[in-house]
Amino acid sequence: MNINDLGTGETILKHDYSTAFDKIRKNLIVQSYYKYGRAGANFATGNVDAIGSLEKCLAKFKETGNLEYLADVANYAMFRYMYPQKGEYFKYTDSGESAGIVGLSETQIKALKDMDMYY
């Protein structure tokens, strides 16, 4: 699919979003409720470190390749978003402030091809 053919947000999400991943994440949250209690009680207080937990899950994913750990990473990121700690905030950033990606994106490759710099 050509990036220029994507169209609307609904069309983009149809190809670049996973509702199956959301379902897995939700199931893991329900399971965790019975194991650890309410997320708000754990993360709002800082008693459980969402970022530290996220980093542990990312390390386990890298070690094992088990995608369940990536669903846990996403959940811990969401909990930190829901229960930010002192000094944390949400602000949309532009390309200049972006953390960036590792590798070449589809649009970067297209630009390089247009300049005859990618084969």
N, C-alpha and C. Protein backbone atom coordinates (compact mmCIF):
# COMPACT_ATOMS: atom_id res chain seq x y z
N MET A 1 0.84 -1.19 0.00
CA MET A 1 0.00 0.00 0.00
C MET A 1 0.88 1.24 0.00
N ASN A 2 0.53 2.18 -0.81
CA ASN A 2 1.24 3.45 -0.89
C ASN A 2 0.77 4.35 0.25
N ILE A 3 1.71 5.03 0.88
CA ILE A 3 1.36 5.89 2.02
C ILE A 3 0.37 6.97 1.62
N ASN A 4 0.38 7.40 0.37
CA ASN A 4 -0.54 8.44 -0.09
C ASN A 4 -1.97 7.92 -0.27
N ASP A 5 -2.15 6.60 -0.26
CA ASP A 5 -3.46 6.00 -0.44
C ASP A 5 -4.18 5.73 0.88
N LEU A 6 -3.57 6.07 2.00
CA LEU A 6 -4.15 5.72 3.30
C LEU A 6 -5.47 6.41 3.58
N GLY A 7 -5.56 7.69 3.29
CA GLY A 7 -6.83 8.39 3.45
C GLY A 7 -7.17 8.81 4.86
N THR A 8 -8.37 8.43 5.29
CA THR A 8 -8.91 8.90 6.56
C THR A 8 -8.30 8.21 7.76
N GLY A 9 -8.54 8.80 8.93
CA GLY A 9 -8.07 8.20 10.17
C GLY A 9 -8.60 6.80 10.36
N GLU A 10 -9.86 6.58 9.99
CA GLU A 10 -10.46 5.25 10.12
C GLU A 10 -9.72 4.24 9.25
N THR A 11 -9.39 4.64 8.04
CA THR A 11 -8.66 3.75 7.13
C THR A 11 -7.27 3.47 7.67
N ILE A 12 -6.62 4.49 8.18
CA ILE A 12 -5.28 4.32 8.73
C ILE A 12 -5.32 3.34 9.90
N LEU A 13 -6.27 3.52 10.81
CA LEU A 13 -6.36 2.65 11.98
C LEU A 13 -6.71 1.22 11.60
N LYS A 14 -7.42 1.04 10.51
CA LYS A 14 -7.77 -0.29 10.03
C LYS A 14 -6.51 -1.10 9.72
N HIS A 15 -5.48 -0.42 9.25
CA HIS A 15 -4.24 -1.09 8.86
C HIS A 15 -3.14 -0.99 9.92
N ASP A 16 -3.14 0.06 10.72
CA ASP A 16 -2.03 0.35 11.62
C ASP A 16 -2.41 0.36 13.09
N TYR A 17 -3.44 -0.38 13.44
CA TYR A 17 -3.87 -0.47 14.84
C TYR A 17 -4.38 -1.87 15.09
N SER A 18 -4.20 -2.37 16.31
CA SER A 18 -4.62 -3.74 16.62
C SER A 18 -5.64 -3.76 17.75
N THR A 19 -6.87 -4.07 17.40
CA THR A 19 -7.89 -4.25 18.43
C THR A 19 -7.64 -5.56 19.18
N ALA A 20 -7.01 -6.54 18.54
CA ALA A 20 -6.65 -7.79 19.22
C ALA A 20 -5.66 -7.50 20.35
N PHE A 21 -4.72 -6.61 20.10
CA PHE A 21 -3.75 -6.21 21.13
C PHE A 21 -4.47 -5.54 22.29
N ASP A 22 -5.44 -4.68 21.99
CA ASP A 22 -6.25 -4.04 23.05
C ASP A 22 -6.96 -5.09 23.90
N LYS A 23 -7.52 -6.10 23.25
CA LYS A 23 -8.25 -7.15 23.98
C LYS A 23 -7.30 -7.89 24.92
N ILE A 24 -6.11 -8.22 24.44
CA ILE A 24 -5.11 -8.89 25.28
C ILE A 24 -4.74 -8.02 26.46
N ARG A 25 -4.50 -6.73 26.20
CA ARG A 25 -4.14 -5.79 27.28
C ARG A 25 -5.23 -5.73 28.33
N LYS A 26 -6.47 -5.63 27.88
CA LYS A 26 -7.61 -5.54 28.82
C LYS A 26 -7.70 -6.81 29.67
N ASN A 27 -7.53 -7.97 29.03
CA ASN A 27 -7.57 -9.23 29.78
C ASN A 27 -6.46 -9.29 30.82
N LEU A 28 -5.28 -8.79 30.47
CA LEU A 28 -4.17 -8.78 31.43
C LEU A 28 -4.44 -7.84 32.60
N ILE A 29 -5.12 -6.73 32.33
CA ILE A 29 -5.46 -5.79 33.40
C ILE A 29 -6.44 -6.44 34.39
N VAL A 30 -7.43 -7.15 33.86
CA VAL A 30 -8.39 -7.83 34.73
C VAL A 30 -7.66 -8.89 35.57
N GLN A 31 -6.80 -9.66 34.93
CA GLN A 31 -6.02 -10.68 35.64
C GLN A 31 -5.16 -10.04 36.74
N SER A 32 -4.53 -8.93 36.41
CA SER A 32 -3.66 -8.24 37.38
C SER A 32 -4.45 -7.66 38.55
N TYR A 33 -5.69 -7.28 38.31
CA TYR A 33 -6.53 -6.75 39.38
C TYR A 33 -6.63 -7.78 40.51
N TYR A 34 -6.85 -9.03 40.14
CA TYR A 34 -7.00 -10.09 41.14
C TYR A 34 -5.67 -10.44 41.80
N LYS A 35 -4.59 -10.18 41.11
CA LYS A 35 -3.27 -10.50 41.65
C LYS A 35 -2.71 -9.36 42.51
N TYR A 36 -2.89 -8.10 42.05
CA TYR A 36 -2.25 -6.95 42.71
C TYR A 36 -3.20 -5.91 43.28
N GLY A 37 -4.49 -5.95 42.90
CA GLY A 37 -5.43 -4.93 43.34
C GLY A 37 -5.62 -3.86 42.27
N ARG A 38 -6.28 -2.78 42.67
CA ARG A 38 -6.61 -1.70 41.73
C ARG A 38 -5.36 -0.98 41.24
N ALA A 39 -5.32 -0.73 39.95
CA ALA A 39 -4.19 -0.01 39.36
C ALA A 39 -4.05 1.36 40.00
N GLY A 40 -5.15 2.06 40.18
CA GLY A 40 -5.09 3.39 40.76
C GLY A 40 -4.46 3.40 42.14
N ALA A 41 -4.79 2.40 42.94
CA ALA A 41 -4.23 2.33 44.29
C ALA A 41 -2.73 2.04 44.24
N ASN A 42 -2.29 1.32 43.23
CA ASN A 42 -0.88 0.96 43.13
C ASN A 42 -0.02 2.04 42.46
N PHE A 43 -0.53 2.62 41.39
CA PHE A 43 0.30 3.52 40.59
C PHE A 43 0.15 4.99 40.95
N ALA A 44 -1.04 5.40 41.37
CA ALA A 44 -1.23 6.82 41.73
C ALA A 44 -0.36 7.20 42.92
N THR A 45 -0.19 6.28 43.82
CA THR A 45 0.61 6.54 45.02
C THR A 45 2.11 6.43 44.76
N GLY A 46 2.46 5.77 43.65
CA GLY A 46 3.87 5.51 43.38
C GLY A 46 4.38 4.27 44.10
N ASN A 47 3.49 3.56 44.80
CA ASN A 47 3.91 2.33 45.49
C ASN A 47 4.44 1.30 44.50
N VAL A 48 3.86 1.29 43.30
CA VAL A 48 4.38 0.45 42.22
C VAL A 48 4.90 1.40 41.15
N ASP A 49 6.12 1.20 40.74
CA ASP A 49 6.78 2.06 39.74
C ASP A 49 6.43 1.55 38.35
N ALA A 50 5.56 2.26 37.65
CA ALA A 50 5.12 1.83 36.32
C ALA A 50 6.29 1.78 35.34
N ILE A 51 7.18 2.75 35.38
CA ILE A 51 8.30 2.78 34.43
C ILE A 51 9.30 1.67 34.75
N GLY A 52 9.59 1.47 36.01
CA GLY A 52 10.48 0.37 36.39
C GLY A 52 9.90 -0.99 36.00
N SER A 53 8.59 -1.14 36.18
CA SER A 53 7.92 -2.38 35.80
C SER A 53 7.93 -2.56 34.29
N LEU A 54 7.69 -1.47 33.58
CA LEU A 54 7.73 -1.47 32.11
C LEU A 54 9.11 -1.92 31.63
N GLU A 55 10.15 -1.38 32.22
CA GLU A 55 11.52 -1.72 31.82
C GLU A 55 11.83 -3.20 32.09
N LYS A 56 11.32 -3.73 33.20
CA LYS A 56 11.51 -5.15 33.50
C LYS A 56 10.82 -6.02 32.45
N CYS A 57 9.61 -5.64 32.06
CA CYS A 57 8.88 -6.40 31.05
C CYS A 57 9.56 -6.31 29.68
N LEU A 58 10.09 -5.15 29.34
CA LEU A 58 10.79 -5.01 28.07
C LEU A 58 12.03 -5.90 28.05
N ALA A 59 12.74 -5.96 29.16
CA ALA A 59 13.91 -6.83 29.26
C ALA A 59 13.51 -8.30 29.10
N LYS A 60 12.39 -8.70 29.73
CA LYS A 60 11.92 -10.08 29.60
C LYS A 60 11.51 -10.38 28.16
N PHE A 61 10.89 -9.43 27.48
CA PHE A 61 10.54 -9.63 26.08
C PHE A 61 11.81 -9.85 25.25
N LYS A 62 12.81 -9.01 25.47
CA LYS A 62 14.06 -9.15 24.71
C LYS A 62 14.73 -10.49 24.99
N GLU A 63 14.61 -10.96 26.20
CA GLU A 63 15.20 -12.24 26.60
C GLU A 63 14.44 -13.44 26.02
N THR A 64 13.09 -13.36 26.02
CA THR A 64 12.28 -14.53 25.67
C THR A 64 11.59 -14.46 24.32
N GLY A 65 11.30 -13.25 23.84
CA GLY A 65 10.51 -13.11 22.61
C GLY A 65 9.02 -13.28 22.84
N ASN A 66 8.58 -13.42 24.08
CA ASN A 66 7.17 -13.59 24.40
C ASN A 66 6.45 -12.25 24.30
N LEU A 67 5.53 -12.15 23.34
CA LEU A 67 4.82 -10.90 23.09
C LEU A 67 3.91 -10.47 24.24
N GLU A 68 3.58 -11.38 25.15
CA GLU A 68 2.79 -10.99 26.31
C GLU A 68 3.49 -9.86 27.07
N TYR A 69 4.82 -9.92 27.14
CA TYR A 69 5.56 -8.88 27.85
C TYR A 69 5.39 -7.51 27.19
N LEU A 70 5.21 -7.48 25.87
CA LEU A 70 4.97 -6.19 25.21
C LEU A 70 3.59 -5.64 25.56
N ALA A 71 2.61 -6.53 25.74
CA ALA A 71 1.30 -6.08 26.20
C ALA A 71 1.41 -5.51 27.61
N ASP A 72 2.23 -6.15 28.45
CA ASP A 72 2.48 -5.61 29.79
C ASP A 72 3.17 -4.25 29.72
N VAL A 73 4.14 -4.10 28.81
CA VAL A 73 4.82 -2.81 28.61
C VAL A 73 3.79 -1.73 28.29
N ALA A 74 2.89 -2.05 27.37
CA ALA A 74 1.86 -1.07 26.98
C ALA A 74 0.97 -0.71 28.16
N ASN A 75 0.61 -1.71 28.96
CA ASN A 75 -0.24 -1.44 30.12
C ASN A 75 0.47 -0.57 31.15
N TYR A 76 1.74 -0.85 31.41
CA TYR A 76 2.48 -0.02 32.36
C TYR A 76 2.62 1.41 31.84
N ALA A 77 2.82 1.57 30.53
CA ALA A 77 2.89 2.91 29.94
C ALA A 77 1.56 3.63 30.12
N MET A 78 0.47 2.90 29.91
CA MET A 78 -0.85 3.50 30.09
C MET A 78 -1.08 3.90 31.54
N PHE A 79 -0.67 3.04 32.48
CA PHE A 79 -0.85 3.38 33.89
C PHE A 79 -0.06 4.64 34.26
N ARG A 80 1.14 4.78 33.72
CA ARG A 80 1.91 5.99 34.02
C ARG A 80 1.24 7.22 33.44
N TYR A 81 0.65 7.05 32.25
CA TYR A 81 -0.11 8.15 31.63
C TYR A 81 -1.31 8.50 32.51
N MET A 82 -2.01 7.49 33.00
CA MET A 82 -3.21 7.72 33.82
C MET A 82 -2.87 8.31 35.18
N TYR A 83 -1.71 7.91 35.72
CA TYR A 83 -1.31 8.32 37.07
C TYR A 83 0.10 8.91 37.02
N PRO A 84 0.24 10.08 36.38
CA PRO A 84 1.58 10.67 36.28
C PRO A 84 2.12 11.03 37.66
N GLN A 85 3.41 11.00 37.78
CA GLN A 85 4.08 11.37 39.02
C GLN A 85 4.44 12.85 38.97
N LYS A 86 4.88 13.39 40.05
CA LYS A 86 5.16 14.82 40.16
C LYS A 86 6.08 15.30 39.04
N GLY A 87 5.65 16.37 38.38
CA GLY A 87 6.45 16.99 37.33
C GLY A 87 6.23 16.39 35.95
N GLU A 88 5.47 15.30 35.84
CA GLU A 88 5.22 14.68 34.54
C GLU A 88 3.99 15.30 33.90
N TYR A 89 3.97 15.39 32.60
CA TYR A 89 2.87 16.04 31.89
C TYR A 89 2.77 15.48 30.48
N PHE A 90 1.67 15.77 29.82
CA PHE A 90 1.49 15.40 28.42
C PHE A 90 1.51 16.68 27.59
N LYS A 91 2.28 16.64 26.51
CA LYS A 91 2.33 17.76 25.57
C LYS A 91 2.65 17.18 24.20
N TYR A 92 1.82 17.53 23.21
CA TYR A 92 2.14 17.10 21.85
C TYR A 92 3.46 17.73 21.42
N THR A 93 4.28 16.96 20.72
CA THR A 93 5.57 17.47 20.24
C THR A 93 5.60 17.45 18.72
N ASP A 94 6.43 18.31 18.15
CA ASP A 94 6.61 18.31 16.70
C ASP A 94 7.83 17.46 16.36
N SER A 95 8.16 17.39 15.10
CA SER A 95 9.29 16.56 14.66
C SER A 95 10.59 16.97 15.33
N GLY A 96 10.78 18.24 15.60
CA GLY A 96 12.00 18.71 16.22
C GLY A 96 12.19 18.21 17.64
N GLU A 97 11.09 17.92 18.33
CA GLU A 97 11.16 17.44 19.71
C GLU A 97 10.96 15.92 19.82
N SER A 98 10.66 15.27 18.72
CA SER A 98 10.40 13.84 18.73
C SER A 98 11.62 13.05 19.17
N ALA A 99 11.38 11.94 19.86
CA ALA A 99 12.47 11.04 20.24
C ALA A 99 13.04 10.34 19.01
N GLY A 100 12.25 10.29 17.95
CA GLY A 100 12.70 9.67 16.70
C GLY A 100 12.48 8.16 16.70
N ILE A 101 12.92 7.53 15.62
CA ILE A 101 12.79 6.09 15.46
C ILE A 101 14.17 5.50 15.20
N VAL A 102 14.26 4.19 15.28
CA VAL A 102 15.48 3.47 14.93
C VAL A 102 15.21 2.79 13.60
N GLY A 103 15.98 3.12 12.59
CA GLY A 103 15.76 2.56 11.26
C GLY A 103 15.26 3.62 10.30
N LEU A 104 14.86 3.18 9.11
CA LEU A 104 14.33 4.09 8.09
C LEU A 104 12.84 3.83 7.90
N SER A 105 12.05 4.89 7.92
CA SER A 105 10.62 4.75 7.72
C SER A 105 10.29 4.69 6.23
N GLU A 106 9.06 4.31 5.96
CA GLU A 106 8.56 4.25 4.59
C GLU A 106 8.72 5.61 3.89
N THR A 107 8.39 6.69 4.57
CA THR A 107 8.49 8.01 3.95
C THR A 107 9.94 8.42 3.72
N GLN A 108 10.83 8.03 4.64
CA GLN A 108 12.25 8.35 4.46
C GLN A 108 12.82 7.59 3.26
N ILE A 109 12.46 6.32 3.13
CA ILE A 109 12.94 5.52 1.99
C ILE A 109 12.42 6.10 0.69
N LYS A 110 11.14 6.50 0.67
CA LYS A 110 10.56 7.10 -0.54
C LYS A 110 11.33 8.37 -0.91
N ALA A 111 11.63 9.21 0.06
CA ALA A 111 12.37 10.45 -0.21
C ALA A 111 13.75 10.14 -0.76
N LEU A 112 14.41 9.14 -0.20
CA LEU A 112 15.75 8.76 -0.70
C LEU A 112 15.66 8.21 -2.11
N LYS A 113 14.64 7.43 -2.40
CA LYS A 113 14.44 6.91 -3.77
C LYS A 113 14.19 8.04 -4.75
N ASP A 114 13.38 9.02 -4.33
CA ASP A 114 13.08 10.17 -5.19
C ASP A 114 14.34 10.96 -5.52
N MET A 115 15.33 10.91 -4.63
CA MET A 115 16.60 11.61 -4.85
C MET A 115 17.66 10.66 -5.44
N ASP A 116 17.22 9.47 -5.87
CA ASP A 116 18.12 8.44 -6.41
C ASP A 116 19.25 8.11 -5.44
N MET A 117 18.92 8.07 -4.14
CA MET A 117 19.93 7.77 -3.12
C MET A 117 19.64 6.46 -2.41
N TYR A 118 18.60 5.73 -2.85
CA TYR A 118 18.23 4.46 -2.23
C TYR A 118 17.83 3.50 -3.33
N TYR A 119 18.36 2.27 -3.23
CA TYR A 119 18.08 1.30 -4.30
C TYR A 119 17.47 0.06 -3.75
